[in-house]
N, C-alpha and C. Protein backbone atom coordinates (compact mmCIF):
# COMPACT_ATOMS: atom_id res chain seq x y z
N MET A 1 -69.81 8.09 -18.81
CA MET A 1 -68.73 7.91 -16.89
C MET A 1 -67.21 7.99 -17.87
N GLU A 2 -66.15 8.85 -17.45
CA GLU A 2 -65.13 8.96 -18.00
C GLU A 2 -64.02 7.77 -17.05
N LEU A 3 -63.08 7.12 -18.05
CA LEU A 3 -62.47 6.23 -17.29
C LEU A 3 -61.38 6.79 -16.20
N PRO A 4 -61.42 5.99 -15.07
CA PRO A 4 -60.62 6.47 -14.07
C PRO A 4 -59.13 6.53 -14.57
N ASP A 5 -58.63 7.37 -13.61
CA ASP A 5 -57.00 7.40 -13.98
C ASP A 5 -56.16 6.08 -13.54
N PRO A 6 -55.33 5.52 -14.08
CA PRO A 6 -54.50 4.26 -13.65
C PRO A 6 -54.40 4.49 -11.99
N TYR A 7 -54.29 3.07 -11.58
CA TYR A 7 -53.82 3.10 -10.28
C TYR A 7 -52.23 2.97 -10.02
N LYS A 8 -51.85 4.06 -9.48
CA LYS A 8 -50.33 3.75 -9.26
C LYS A 8 -49.77 3.26 -7.97
N GLY A 9 -50.78 2.93 -7.07
CA GLY A 9 -50.10 2.48 -5.83
C GLY A 9 -49.67 3.28 -4.59
N ASP A 10 -49.86 4.73 -5.07
CA ASP A 10 -49.37 5.75 -4.06
C ASP A 10 -50.10 5.70 -2.90
N THR A 11 -51.58 5.36 -3.05
CA THR A 11 -52.26 5.49 -1.63
C THR A 11 -53.09 4.01 -1.51
N ARG A 12 -53.29 3.78 -0.13
CA ARG A 12 -53.91 2.34 0.09
C ARG A 12 -55.13 2.67 0.66
N GLY A 13 -55.73 1.69 1.34
CA GLY A 13 -56.74 1.59 2.12
C GLY A 13 -58.00 2.21 1.31
N GLN A 14 -58.89 3.28 1.97
CA GLN A 14 -60.09 3.75 1.37
C GLN A 14 -59.96 4.26 -0.10
N LYS A 15 -58.86 5.11 -0.32
CA LYS A 15 -58.73 5.52 -2.00
C LYS A 15 -58.60 4.29 -2.76
N ALA A 16 -57.67 3.44 -2.59
CA ALA A 16 -57.38 2.24 -3.12
C ALA A 16 -58.88 1.44 -3.75
N THR A 17 -59.54 1.19 -2.51
CA THR A 17 -60.89 0.44 -2.99
C THR A 17 -61.96 1.39 -3.50
N GLN A 18 -61.92 2.98 -3.50
CA GLN A 18 -62.75 3.84 -4.23
C GLN A 18 -62.15 3.51 -5.68
N TRP A 19 -60.95 3.49 -5.95
CA TRP A 19 -60.55 3.54 -7.42
C TRP A 19 -61.19 1.99 -8.08
N LEU A 20 -60.84 1.10 -7.24
CA LEU A 20 -61.33 -0.01 -7.80
C LEU A 20 -62.79 -0.15 -7.70
N ASP A 21 -63.86 0.11 -7.12
CA ASP A 21 -65.13 0.47 -7.06
C ASP A 21 -65.20 1.59 -8.28
N GLN A 22 -64.67 2.37 -8.91
CA GLN A 22 -64.79 2.99 -9.70
C GLN A 22 -64.49 2.49 -11.31
N MET A 23 -63.45 1.67 -11.22
CA MET A 23 -63.19 0.50 -12.39
C MET A 23 -64.39 -0.32 -12.44
N LEU A 24 -64.49 -1.06 -11.29
CA LEU A 24 -65.71 -1.77 -11.47
C LEU A 24 -67.18 -1.36 -12.11
N LEU A 25 -67.55 0.14 -11.80
CA LEU A 25 -68.63 0.64 -12.39
C LEU A 25 -68.16 0.80 -13.75
N TRP A 26 -67.02 1.18 -14.28
CA TRP A 26 -66.86 1.59 -15.63
C TRP A 26 -67.15 0.21 -16.25
N VAL A 27 -66.46 -0.85 -16.10
CA VAL A 27 -66.34 -2.42 -16.61
C VAL A 27 -68.06 -2.61 -16.56
N ALA A 28 -68.60 -2.45 -15.63
CA ALA A 28 -70.24 -2.87 -15.42
C ALA A 28 -70.84 -1.84 -16.90
N LEU A 29 -70.65 -0.77 -17.00
CA LEU A 29 -71.34 0.08 -17.64
C LEU A 29 -70.84 -0.24 -19.12
N HIS A 30 -69.66 -0.78 -19.26
CA HIS A 30 -68.99 -1.26 -20.96
C HIS A 30 -68.68 -2.47 -20.73
N GLN A 31 -69.68 -3.36 -20.14
CA GLN A 31 -69.54 -4.83 -20.45
C GLN A 31 -69.52 -5.26 -21.66
N ASP A 32 -70.14 -4.73 -22.47
CA ASP A 32 -70.64 -5.08 -23.81
C ASP A 32 -69.42 -5.31 -24.58
N GLN A 33 -68.38 -4.48 -24.10
CA GLN A 33 -66.67 -4.27 -24.70
C GLN A 33 -65.87 -5.73 -24.37
N PHE A 34 -66.44 -6.64 -23.53
CA PHE A 34 -65.58 -7.72 -23.11
C PHE A 34 -66.51 -9.04 -23.57
N ASN A 35 -65.75 -10.22 -23.91
CA ASN A 35 -66.20 -11.34 -24.25
C ASN A 35 -66.64 -12.38 -22.99
N GLU A 36 -65.65 -11.99 -22.19
CA GLU A 36 -65.38 -12.79 -20.71
C GLU A 36 -65.15 -11.79 -19.76
N GLU A 37 -65.60 -12.55 -18.30
CA GLU A 37 -65.03 -11.85 -17.21
C GLU A 37 -63.77 -11.70 -17.04
N GLU A 38 -63.00 -12.70 -17.33
CA GLU A 38 -61.53 -12.74 -17.33
C GLU A 38 -61.01 -11.44 -18.08
N GLN A 39 -61.41 -11.10 -19.16
CA GLN A 39 -61.04 -10.08 -20.13
C GLN A 39 -61.32 -8.79 -19.36
N MET A 40 -62.36 -8.69 -18.38
CA MET A 40 -62.46 -7.28 -17.63
C MET A 40 -61.33 -7.15 -16.45
N VAL A 41 -60.91 -8.55 -16.02
CA VAL A 41 -60.02 -8.53 -14.80
C VAL A 41 -58.55 -8.18 -15.19
N VAL A 42 -58.30 -8.51 -16.44
CA VAL A 42 -56.94 -8.29 -17.31
C VAL A 42 -57.03 -7.00 -17.49
N TRP A 43 -58.10 -6.41 -18.18
CA TRP A 43 -58.00 -4.83 -18.53
C TRP A 43 -58.06 -4.04 -17.23
N ILE A 44 -58.51 -4.40 -16.01
CA ILE A 44 -58.24 -3.57 -14.60
C ILE A 44 -57.00 -3.78 -14.69
N LEU A 45 -56.50 -4.92 -14.36
CA LEU A 45 -55.24 -4.87 -14.00
C LEU A 45 -53.77 -4.05 -15.01
N TYR A 46 -54.37 -4.19 -16.35
CA TYR A 46 -53.64 -3.04 -17.32
C TYR A 46 -53.84 -1.91 -16.85
N HIS A 47 -54.54 -1.25 -16.22
CA HIS A 47 -54.75 0.18 -15.75
C HIS A 47 -53.95 0.05 -14.45
N MET A 48 -53.19 -0.24 -14.03
CA MET A 48 -52.47 -0.37 -12.94
C MET A 48 -50.91 -0.06 -13.37
N THR A 49 -50.31 1.10 -12.84
CA THR A 49 -49.20 1.51 -13.46
C THR A 49 -47.91 1.68 -12.13
N ASP A 50 -46.92 2.27 -12.28
CA ASP A 50 -45.71 2.56 -11.31
C ASP A 50 -45.63 1.23 -10.18
N LYS A 51 -45.53 1.60 -9.44
CA LYS A 51 -45.19 0.35 -8.29
C LYS A 51 -46.25 -0.48 -8.37
N VAL A 52 -47.43 -0.34 -8.42
CA VAL A 52 -48.48 -1.52 -8.67
C VAL A 52 -48.51 -2.42 -9.89
N ALA A 53 -47.79 -1.88 -10.53
CA ALA A 53 -47.74 -2.74 -12.14
C ALA A 53 -46.98 -3.90 -11.47
N ASN A 54 -45.93 -3.87 -10.44
CA ASN A 54 -45.31 -4.91 -10.30
C ASN A 54 -46.12 -6.26 -9.64
N TRP A 55 -47.02 -5.54 -8.88
CA TRP A 55 -48.16 -6.49 -8.68
C TRP A 55 -48.88 -7.24 -9.58
N ALA A 56 -49.58 -6.27 -10.70
CA ALA A 56 -50.41 -6.59 -11.44
C ALA A 56 -49.75 -7.56 -12.73
N LEU A 57 -48.55 -7.20 -13.17
CA LEU A 57 -48.11 -7.67 -14.68
C LEU A 57 -47.74 -9.59 -14.27
N PRO A 58 -47.70 -9.74 -13.18
CA PRO A 58 -47.31 -11.31 -12.84
C PRO A 58 -48.76 -12.00 -13.02
N ILE A 59 -49.51 -11.32 -12.37
CA ILE A 59 -51.21 -11.75 -12.56
C ILE A 59 -51.43 -11.96 -13.84
N ILE A 60 -51.29 -10.82 -14.42
CA ILE A 60 -51.54 -10.84 -16.13
C ILE A 60 -50.90 -11.98 -16.80
N GLY A 61 -49.67 -12.19 -16.61
CA GLY A 61 -49.11 -13.15 -17.24
C GLY A 61 -49.33 -14.76 -16.88
N THR A 62 -49.74 -14.77 -15.51
CA THR A 62 -50.28 -16.05 -15.44
C THR A 62 -51.71 -16.23 -16.05
N ILE A 63 -52.55 -15.28 -16.37
CA ILE A 63 -53.79 -15.40 -16.75
C ILE A 63 -53.74 -15.56 -18.34
N ILE A 64 -52.29 -15.32 -18.54
CA ILE A 64 -52.61 -15.39 -20.28
C ILE A 64 -51.73 -16.91 -20.65
N LYS A 65 -50.95 -17.33 -19.69
CA LYS A 65 -50.15 -18.62 -19.82
C LYS A 65 -51.37 -19.45 -19.47
N GLY A 66 -52.46 -19.39 -18.55
CA GLY A 66 -53.19 -20.16 -18.51
C GLY A 66 -52.74 -21.38 -17.37
N LYS A 67 -51.98 -21.02 -16.43
CA LYS A 67 -51.43 -21.59 -15.63
C LYS A 67 -51.21 -20.82 -14.03
N GLY A 68 -51.37 -21.69 -13.21
CA GLY A 68 -51.73 -21.30 -11.60
C GLY A 68 -52.86 -21.44 -11.11
N ASN A 69 -53.10 -20.31 -10.40
CA ASN A 69 -54.59 -20.01 -10.30
C ASN A 69 -54.79 -18.88 -9.97
N PRO A 70 -54.92 -17.85 -10.98
CA PRO A 70 -54.87 -16.47 -10.89
C PRO A 70 -56.37 -15.98 -10.77
N PRO A 71 -56.79 -14.60 -10.33
CA PRO A 71 -58.18 -14.51 -10.44
C PRO A 71 -58.67 -13.91 -11.44
N THR A 72 -59.67 -14.66 -12.02
CA THR A 72 -60.27 -14.79 -13.46
C THR A 72 -61.59 -14.25 -13.01
N THR A 73 -62.24 -13.78 -12.06
CA THR A 73 -63.79 -13.46 -11.97
C THR A 73 -63.43 -11.91 -10.86
N ILE A 74 -64.57 -11.44 -11.38
CA ILE A 74 -64.23 -10.27 -10.54
C ILE A 74 -64.24 -9.98 -9.15
N PRO A 75 -65.24 -11.25 -8.49
CA PRO A 75 -65.03 -11.35 -6.95
C PRO A 75 -63.84 -11.88 -6.44
N ALA A 76 -63.31 -12.97 -7.30
CA ALA A 76 -61.80 -13.53 -7.00
C ALA A 76 -61.03 -12.23 -6.89
N PHE A 77 -61.08 -11.50 -7.94
CA PHE A 77 -60.08 -10.23 -8.43
C PHE A 77 -59.90 -9.08 -6.99
N THR A 78 -61.23 -9.00 -6.75
CA THR A 78 -61.48 -7.90 -5.94
C THR A 78 -61.22 -8.20 -4.73
N ALA A 79 -61.22 -9.58 -4.16
CA ALA A 79 -60.55 -10.01 -3.18
C ALA A 79 -59.17 -10.04 -2.90
N LYS A 80 -58.41 -10.51 -4.09
CA LYS A 80 -57.16 -10.10 -4.20
C LYS A 80 -56.54 -8.82 -4.25
N PHE A 81 -57.45 -7.98 -4.67
CA PHE A 81 -56.83 -6.47 -4.65
C PHE A 81 -57.17 -6.07 -3.33
N LYS A 82 -58.09 -6.14 -2.56
CA LYS A 82 -58.29 -5.83 -0.97
C LYS A 82 -57.47 -6.25 -0.36
N GLU A 83 -56.91 -7.52 -0.60
CA GLU A 83 -55.75 -8.15 0.28
C GLU A 83 -54.84 -7.45 0.18
N ALA A 84 -54.34 -7.03 -0.81
CA ALA A 84 -52.93 -6.45 -1.32
C ALA A 84 -53.32 -4.77 -0.95
N PHE A 85 -54.27 -4.13 -1.20
CA PHE A 85 -54.15 -2.54 -0.88
C PHE A 85 -55.06 -2.20 0.06
N ALA A 86 -56.00 -2.77 0.65
CA ALA A 86 -57.38 -1.95 1.22
C ALA A 86 -56.79 -2.36 2.75
N ASN A 87 -57.18 -1.29 3.73
CA ASN A 87 -56.69 -1.13 5.03
C ASN A 87 -57.30 -2.44 5.69
N PRO A 88 -56.41 -3.29 6.41
CA PRO A 88 -56.89 -4.50 7.00
C PRO A 88 -57.55 -4.25 8.20
N ASN A 89 -57.43 -3.01 8.51
CA ASN A 89 -58.02 -2.60 9.84
C ASN A 89 -59.28 -1.72 9.64
N ALA A 90 -59.56 -1.40 8.51
CA ALA A 90 -60.61 -0.75 8.21
C ALA A 90 -62.02 -1.14 9.21
N LYS A 91 -62.47 -2.27 9.10
CA LYS A 91 -63.58 -2.80 9.46
C LYS A 91 -63.48 -2.33 11.30
N ARG A 92 -62.32 -2.94 11.65
CA ARG A 92 -62.39 -2.57 13.34
C ARG A 92 -62.38 -0.98 13.25
N ALA A 93 -61.70 -0.20 12.66
CA ALA A 93 -61.97 1.24 13.00
C ALA A 93 -63.40 1.96 12.48
N ALA A 94 -63.89 1.41 11.54
CA ALA A 94 -65.41 1.68 11.38
C ALA A 94 -66.12 1.34 12.42
N ALA A 95 -66.02 -0.02 12.89
CA ALA A 95 -66.89 -0.34 14.01
C ALA A 95 -66.63 0.57 15.38
N GLN A 96 -65.34 0.94 15.42
CA GLN A 96 -64.98 1.55 16.72
C GLN A 96 -65.89 3.17 16.67
N LYS A 97 -65.74 3.52 15.40
CA LYS A 97 -66.30 5.00 14.89
C LYS A 97 -67.79 5.18 15.27
N ILE A 98 -68.25 3.69 14.85
CA ILE A 98 -69.87 3.60 15.02
C ILE A 98 -70.01 3.95 16.34
N ALA A 99 -69.36 2.90 17.25
CA ALA A 99 -69.70 3.16 18.41
C ALA A 99 -69.49 4.27 19.47
N THR A 100 -68.60 5.13 18.72
CA THR A 100 -68.55 6.65 19.37
C THR A 100 -69.16 7.75 18.87
N LEU A 101 -69.91 7.35 17.70
CA LEU A 101 -70.47 8.40 17.02
C LEU A 101 -71.29 9.26 17.76
N ASN A 102 -71.23 10.47 17.72
CA ASN A 102 -72.06 11.33 18.20
C ASN A 102 -72.70 12.32 17.31
N GLN A 103 -73.91 12.96 17.32
CA GLN A 103 -74.59 13.69 16.86
C GLN A 103 -74.20 15.07 16.85
N THR A 104 -73.20 15.65 16.07
CA THR A 104 -72.72 16.94 16.41
C THR A 104 -72.96 18.00 15.55
N SER A 105 -73.84 17.67 14.32
CA SER A 105 -74.14 18.51 13.34
C SER A 105 -75.57 18.27 12.96
N THR A 106 -76.01 18.46 11.55
CA THR A 106 -77.19 18.20 11.28
C THR A 106 -77.86 16.86 11.25
N THR A 107 -78.98 16.11 11.48
CA THR A 107 -79.49 15.20 11.39
C THR A 107 -79.20 14.41 10.12
N SER A 108 -79.15 15.05 8.77
CA SER A 108 -78.54 14.66 7.46
C SER A 108 -77.05 14.25 7.57
N GLU A 109 -76.32 15.17 7.97
CA GLU A 109 -75.22 14.77 8.29
C GLU A 109 -74.33 13.98 9.21
N TYR A 110 -75.17 13.72 10.08
CA TYR A 110 -75.27 12.35 11.05
C TYR A 110 -75.29 11.01 10.48
N ILE A 111 -76.62 11.04 10.01
CA ILE A 111 -77.07 9.71 8.86
C ILE A 111 -76.05 9.49 7.78
N THR A 112 -75.55 10.39 7.14
CA THR A 112 -74.52 10.21 5.87
C THR A 112 -73.56 9.75 6.69
N GLU A 113 -72.95 10.34 7.80
CA GLU A 113 -71.43 9.61 8.38
C GLU A 113 -71.79 7.97 8.79
N PHE A 114 -72.97 7.90 9.37
CA PHE A 114 -73.42 6.76 9.69
C PHE A 114 -73.52 5.51 8.70
N CYS A 115 -74.15 6.08 7.48
CA CYS A 115 -74.10 5.07 6.39
C CYS A 115 -72.74 4.89 5.82
N ASN A 116 -71.81 5.78 5.77
CA ASN A 116 -70.61 5.87 5.37
C ASN A 116 -69.87 4.73 6.15
N LEU A 117 -69.94 4.95 7.26
CA LEU A 117 -69.23 4.05 8.15
C LEU A 117 -69.86 2.44 8.25
N MET A 118 -71.23 2.41 8.03
CA MET A 118 -71.60 0.97 7.93
C MET A 118 -71.26 0.56 6.40
N ALA A 119 -71.06 1.15 5.80
CA ALA A 119 -70.81 0.44 4.38
C ALA A 119 -69.38 0.19 4.33
N GLU A 120 -68.62 0.75 5.16
CA GLU A 120 -67.04 0.10 5.40
C GLU A 120 -67.12 -1.33 5.98
N LEU A 121 -68.02 -1.48 6.69
CA LEU A 121 -68.38 -2.79 7.64
C LEU A 121 -68.55 -4.04 6.58
N ASP A 122 -69.14 -3.63 5.45
CA ASP A 122 -69.57 -4.95 4.48
C ASP A 122 -68.43 -5.28 3.75
């Protein structure tokens, strides 16, 4: 698996969380390169550039200095990232789409759409 391009902050919502999921998968596949989970978090933060670097660099600095309460685990980092870049209304929007979902194509396409919407609820 190739390393995803750095996240620049140009897109938010689903595109941002997809980028994070790709980075988390890359880190999971290469976890032997990291001694600690904290190093994984810093590595992901390091792959944020442009506008989003303004968000990432202070977190990296806090981790390096060992001060404050920065996210040093993957779950804590994921929560902080989604808080900043995910669509806060995504779950509500997905629930509304499920409530009004009708089969207008093949069963396979309908099931795929339903499963994708259910995944947004998690």
